[in-house]
Amino acid sequence: MQFKDNLLEAKVVGKYNKLIVDVRLADDSPAVAFCPASDVSQMCSLGKRVWIKRLRQKSNRIPFEVVFVEDGGAMVFGCPNRNNDLFEEAFNAGNLPEFGSYVSCRRIEAGSPLLHSDFELTDDAGGKCCVYVTNIYRKLGGSAVFPTEVNFFELTLFEELRQLRAQGYATAVFMIVPRADCQDVKFSWAYAPLAAAKIYDEAKNGLKFVAYGCNIEKKCVTLSHLIPILY
């Protein structure tokens, strides 16, 4: 995924709330930027380096959006709203061998009976797989860690995917690790036991979990490699 916009390097100097940060640009001028996710905002502590882009709609009260944040010396891609673009691009390029048996990829639009899934994949025999795409931002040592909170949207998602499996669908949660400093993904009971218990049960009952790392540059982000998941 290429970025057409020129990104501006800045330093975090303050916060309005969980999703809005004050930054100072390289020329020492102030600016206000929106963080697309609370996990991204948590990384944007005072003094952190970020790279921001100007939003195209002039009606926006907040003129910039955080695209990258430096965390622990690593560049972290902070735009979860581009998850589906990354997945679709990688699938169409044949770079997701875990889904290599599927020949088509349909993005599920708003209003579909599939309320929570992001993609429906189809193979030559008509078999289908529904995929939900999400991020893992939390890092502990050299591992990305999940789950880190009780997300009731995702708990509802698991019920939808369970019903789809009963109808003969394959189902998968595709986890993007948007940073290059994690060697694996660790399932943890420590942060959100309720979510962990649900995930553990669903994994035993046929829900597939796949994690991919990213190749991150200031002008380009792509899904690059499968990351092992340790349970």
Protein backbone atom coordinates (compact mmCIF):
# COMPACT_ATOMS: atom_id res chain seq x y z
CA MET A 1 0.00 0.00 0.00
CA GLN A 2 1.57 3.22 -1.19
CA PHE A 3 1.11 6.62 0.42
CA LYS A 4 0.62 9.51 -1.98
CA ASP A 5 0.64 12.11 0.77
CA ASN A 6 3.84 13.62 2.07
CA LEU A 7 4.12 12.78 5.75
CA LEU A 8 5.30 15.35 8.25
CA GLU A 9 7.52 14.36 11.15
CA ALA A 10 6.46 15.78 14.51
CA LYS A 11 6.86 15.32 18.26
CA VAL A 12 4.00 14.78 20.71
CA VAL A 13 3.77 17.67 23.19
CA GLY A 14 0.32 17.13 24.72
CA LYS A 15 -3.07 15.40 24.58
CA TYR A 16 -6.66 16.65 24.50
CA ASN A 17 -8.27 13.27 25.10
CA LYS A 18 -7.76 9.61 24.21
CA LEU A 19 -7.71 10.20 20.46
CA ILE A 20 -6.35 13.73 19.94
CA VAL A 21 -2.72 14.78 20.38
CA ASP A 22 -0.88 18.09 20.21
CA VAL A 23 2.30 17.89 18.19
CA ARG A 24 5.10 20.21 17.17
CA LEU A 25 6.40 20.03 13.62
CA ALA A 26 10.04 20.11 12.53
CA ASP A 27 9.78 23.87 11.87
CA ASP A 28 8.57 24.30 15.49
CA SER A 29 4.99 25.12 14.47
CA PRO A 30 2.14 23.53 16.50
CA ALA A 31 -0.51 21.20 15.10
CA VAL A 32 -3.33 18.96 16.26
CA ALA A 33 -3.62 15.35 15.06
CA PHE A 34 -6.22 12.60 15.35
CA CYS A 35 -5.22 9.07 16.43
CA PRO A 36 -7.31 6.47 14.56
CA ALA A 37 -7.37 4.05 17.52
CA SER A 38 -7.01 4.17 21.30
CA ASP A 39 -4.07 1.73 21.14
CA VAL A 40 -2.27 4.17 18.84
CA SER A 41 -3.02 7.06 21.17
CA GLN A 42 -1.56 5.13 24.11
CA MET A 43 1.75 4.89 22.27
CA CYS A 44 1.71 8.64 21.56
CA SER A 45 3.13 9.67 24.92
CA LEU A 46 4.89 12.98 25.44
CA GLY A 47 8.08 13.29 23.45
CA LYS A 48 7.31 10.46 21.02
CA ARG A 49 8.08 10.94 17.35
CA VAL A 50 5.11 10.63 15.01
CA TRP A 51 4.50 11.06 11.31
CA ILE A 52 1.25 12.73 10.36
CA LYS A 53 -0.66 13.47 7.18
CA ARG A 54 -2.95 16.37 6.38
CA LEU A 55 -6.58 15.33 6.00
CA ARG A 56 -8.02 16.24 2.62
CA GLN A 57 -11.43 17.39 3.77
CA LYS A 58 -11.10 21.05 4.74
CA SER A 59 -14.20 20.77 6.93
CA ASN A 60 -12.32 18.63 9.46
CA ARG A 61 -11.79 20.51 12.71
CA ILE A 62 -8.66 18.44 13.28
CA PRO A 63 -6.42 18.93 10.24
CA PHE A 64 -3.99 16.00 10.67
CA GLU A 65 -4.02 12.26 11.32
CA VAL A 66 -1.28 10.14 12.90
CA VAL A 67 0.04 7.56 10.40
CA PHE A 68 3.16 6.27 12.17
CA VAL A 69 4.45 6.45 15.71
CA GLU A 70 7.90 5.44 16.92
CA ASP A 71 7.60 2.99 19.80
CA GLY A 72 10.59 1.27 21.37
CA GLY A 73 12.72 2.27 18.40
CA ALA A 74 10.34 0.69 15.88
CA MET A 75 8.04 2.33 13.38
CA VAL A 76 4.42 1.37 14.08
CA PHE A 77 1.71 1.79 11.44
CA GLY A 78 -1.16 3.52 13.21
CA CYS A 79 -4.04 3.37 10.71
CA PRO A 80 -6.28 0.38 11.49
CA ASN A 81 -8.82 1.83 9.06
CA ARG A 82 -6.50 0.55 6.30
CA ASN A 83 -6.53 -3.06 7.52
CA ASN A 84 -8.87 -4.23 4.80
CA ASP A 85 -6.79 -2.53 2.10
CA LEU A 86 -3.69 -4.38 3.32
CA PHE A 87 -5.46 -7.75 3.39
CA GLU A 88 -7.10 -7.32 -0.02
CA GLU A 89 -3.86 -6.15 -1.64
CA ALA A 90 -1.92 -9.12 -0.24
CA PHE A 91 -4.63 -11.64 -1.23
CA ASN A 92 -4.86 -10.32 -4.79
CA ALA A 93 -1.05 -10.48 -5.10
CA GLY A 94 -1.05 -14.12 -3.97
CA ASN A 95 0.95 -13.29 -0.85
CA LEU A 96 -1.30 -15.09 1.65
CA PRO A 97 -0.55 -18.80 1.16
CA GLU A 98 -2.71 -19.71 4.18
CA PHE A 99 -5.67 -18.74 1.98
CA GLY A 100 -4.17 -20.04 -1.26
CA SER A 101 -7.05 -22.45 -1.97
CA TYR A 102 -9.45 -19.53 -2.40
CA VAL A 103 -9.78 -17.90 -5.82
CA SER A 104 -11.91 -14.85 -5.05
CA CYS A 105 -12.10 -12.28 -2.28
CA ARG A 106 -15.24 -10.21 -1.70
CA ARG A 107 -15.17 -7.28 0.66
CA ILE A 108 -18.32 -7.34 2.79
CA GLU A 109 -20.05 -3.98 2.65
CA ALA A 110 -22.18 -2.26 5.26
CA GLY A 111 -25.73 -3.56 5.34
CA SER A 112 -24.75 -7.16 4.61
CA PRO A 113 -26.32 -9.92 6.75
CA LEU A 114 -22.72 -10.67 7.76
CA LEU A 115 -22.51 -7.89 10.30
CA HIS A 116 -18.99 -8.44 11.61
CA SER A 117 -16.94 -10.25 8.97
CA ASP A 118 -14.74 -8.18 6.63
CA PHE A 119 -14.22 -10.60 3.72
CA GLU A 120 -15.84 -13.62 2.13
CA LEU A 121 -13.39 -15.89 0.29
CA THR A 122 -14.57 -18.52 -2.22
CA ASP A 123 -12.75 -21.55 -3.66
CA ASP A 124 -13.29 -23.35 -6.99
CA ALA A 125 -15.76 -25.76 -5.43
CA GLY A 126 -17.87 -22.98 -3.94
CA GLY A 127 -16.52 -23.40 -0.44
CA LYS A 128 -16.43 -20.20 1.55
CA CYS A 129 -14.38 -18.64 4.32
CA CYS A 130 -15.35 -15.53 6.29
CA VAL A 131 -12.46 -13.44 7.59
CA TYR A 132 -12.34 -10.76 10.26
CA VAL A 133 -9.27 -8.49 10.13
CA THR A 134 -7.86 -6.78 13.22
CA ASN A 135 -4.64 -5.34 14.70
CA ILE A 136 -2.34 -6.28 17.56
CA TYR A 137 -0.48 -3.24 18.92
CA ARG A 138 0.51 -4.41 22.41
CA LYS A 139 4.11 -5.67 22.65
CA LEU A 140 5.85 -7.50 25.47
CA GLY A 141 9.52 -8.29 24.94
CA GLY A 142 9.85 -9.53 21.37
CA SER A 143 6.22 -10.67 21.14
CA ALA A 144 2.96 -9.10 20.12
CA VAL A 145 0.34 -9.94 22.75
CA PHE A 146 -3.42 -10.59 22.52
CA PRO A 147 -6.10 -10.17 23.77
CA THR A 148 -5.54 -7.03 25.80
CA GLU A 149 -9.11 -5.90 26.48
CA VAL A 150 -12.66 -7.18 26.63
CA ASN A 151 -14.08 -6.13 23.29
CA PHE A 152 -17.79 -6.86 23.23
CA PHE A 153 -17.95 -6.21 19.47
CA GLU A 154 -15.50 -9.06 18.99
CA LEU A 155 -17.40 -11.30 21.40
CA THR A 156 -20.47 -10.79 19.18
CA LEU A 157 -18.27 -11.48 16.15
CA PHE A 158 -17.27 -14.86 17.58
CA GLU A 159 -20.93 -15.84 17.87
CA GLU A 160 -21.52 -14.88 14.22
CA LEU A 161 -18.52 -16.92 13.09
CA ARG A 162 -19.66 -19.89 15.18
CA GLN A 163 -23.04 -19.83 13.41
CA LEU A 164 -21.30 -19.63 10.02
CA ARG A 165 -19.19 -22.71 10.85
CA ALA A 166 -22.42 -24.56 11.67
CA GLN A 167 -23.54 -23.69 8.11
CA GLY A 168 -20.35 -25.13 6.59
CA TYR A 169 -18.21 -22.00 6.31
CA ALA A 170 -14.56 -21.86 7.26
CA THR A 171 -13.83 -18.88 9.51
CA ALA A 172 -10.67 -16.97 10.36
CA VAL A 173 -9.44 -14.04 12.42
CA PHE A 174 -6.58 -12.37 10.56
CA MET A 175 -4.36 -10.39 12.95
CA ILE A 176 -2.04 -7.71 11.56
CA VAL A 177 1.03 -6.87 13.65
CA PRO A 178 1.78 -3.36 12.32
CA ARG A 179 5.38 -3.21 13.55
CA ALA A 180 8.62 -4.95 12.56
CA ASP A 181 10.04 -5.78 16.02
CA CYS A 182 7.92 -8.81 16.96
CA GLN A 183 9.08 -12.38 16.29
CA ASP A 184 5.85 -14.07 17.39
CA VAL A 185 2.38 -13.50 18.79
CA LYS A 186 1.53 -14.72 22.28
CA PHE A 187 -1.91 -15.57 23.52
CA SER A 188 -2.24 -14.26 27.08
CA TRP A 189 -4.75 -14.75 29.90
CA ALA A 190 -3.31 -11.81 31.86
CA TYR A 191 -4.97 -8.76 30.30
CA ALA A 192 -8.56 -9.76 29.45
CA PRO A 193 -9.50 -13.19 30.90
CA LEU A 194 -13.07 -13.07 29.57
CA ALA A 195 -11.94 -12.41 26.01
CA ALA A 196 -9.11 -14.95 26.37
CA ALA A 197 -11.52 -17.67 27.50
CA LYS A 198 -13.80 -17.00 24.53
CA ILE A 199 -10.91 -17.02 22.06
CA TYR A 200 -9.54 -20.25 23.54
CA ASP A 201 -12.92 -21.96 23.19
CA GLU A 202 -13.46 -20.72 19.65
CA ALA A 203 -9.99 -21.84 18.56
CA LYS A 204 -10.73 -25.35 19.86
CA ASN A 205 -14.02 -25.31 17.96
CA GLY A 206 -12.58 -24.49 14.54
CA LEU A 207 -11.97 -20.74 14.40
CA LYS A 208 -8.62 -20.20 12.68
CA PHE A 209 -6.24 -17.48 13.87
CA VAL A 210 -3.56 -16.14 11.51
CA ALA A 211 -1.02 -13.40 12.25
CA TYR A 212 1.03 -11.44 9.73
CA GLY A 213 3.81 -8.92 10.16
CA CYS A 214 4.37 -5.83 8.05
CA ASN A 215 7.13 -4.34 6.00
CA ILE A 216 6.98 -0.68 7.04
CA GLU A 217 8.45 2.27 5.18
CA LYS A 218 7.40 5.90 5.26
CA LYS A 219 5.94 5.66 1.75
CA CYS A 220 4.74 2.05 1.75
CA VAL A 221 3.26 -0.57 4.09
CA THR A 222 2.71 -4.18 3.02
CA LEU A 223 1.91 -7.48 4.71
CA SER A 224 5.19 -9.37 4.57
CA HIS A 225 5.37 -12.62 6.55
CA LEU A 226 3.46 -15.13 8.64
CA ILE A 227 4.12 -14.80 12.38
CA PRO A 228 3.75 -17.88 14.63
CA ILE A 229 1.08 -17.75 17.32
CA LEU A 230 2.04 -19.23 20.69
CA TYR A 231 -0.80 -20.49 22.88
